[in-house]
Amino acid sequence: MEDKIEKTIDLNATVERVWRALTDHNEFGEWFRVALEKPFAVGEKTEGNITYPGYEHMRLEATVKTMDKEKLFAYTWCPTDDEPEDGMETLVEFKLEPIDSGTRLTITESGFASLPDDERRVDALRRNAEGWEAQKQNIATHVES
């Protein structure tokens, strides 16, 4: 059973620019398509309504775990359409690395093996893998324009 999704993209933008797009809740909301209600802060939950067409019925609830400036931003969230409940969370990490052309961004979502049932686990892995593929293009468009 796979436990994680990992996506990498090279962005034609500075590490500082990509960091701001990830950690400023308003900018994050623009490219991720979520209306977050408050800024990200380590140890705190930030939530808001998804604004992506077809997913407006969903809310994102993320608890920030790490904000290592311009290196790592991480939060936990419920990776399914279900209401968040105990045992229904994965860890999302955004790792930034400077490269000659700008920034290499690696997005990792891990912890799927701990989800309580096989059907939801397989569905969450499939949907989120597709979702992260789209989101890496969304952040590229956002920071490179």
Foldseek 3Di string as FASTA:
>chain_A
DDFKAKDKDDAQAALLLLLCCCFAVVSVCVLLQWDWDDGADAQDWIKTAHRPPPRRVAMWIWHWHDCPDSAKTKTKTQLFRDDDDPQRIWMWMWGWDADPSHIMTMIMTGDLVSRDDDVRSVVSVVVVNVSVVSSVVSSNVSRVD
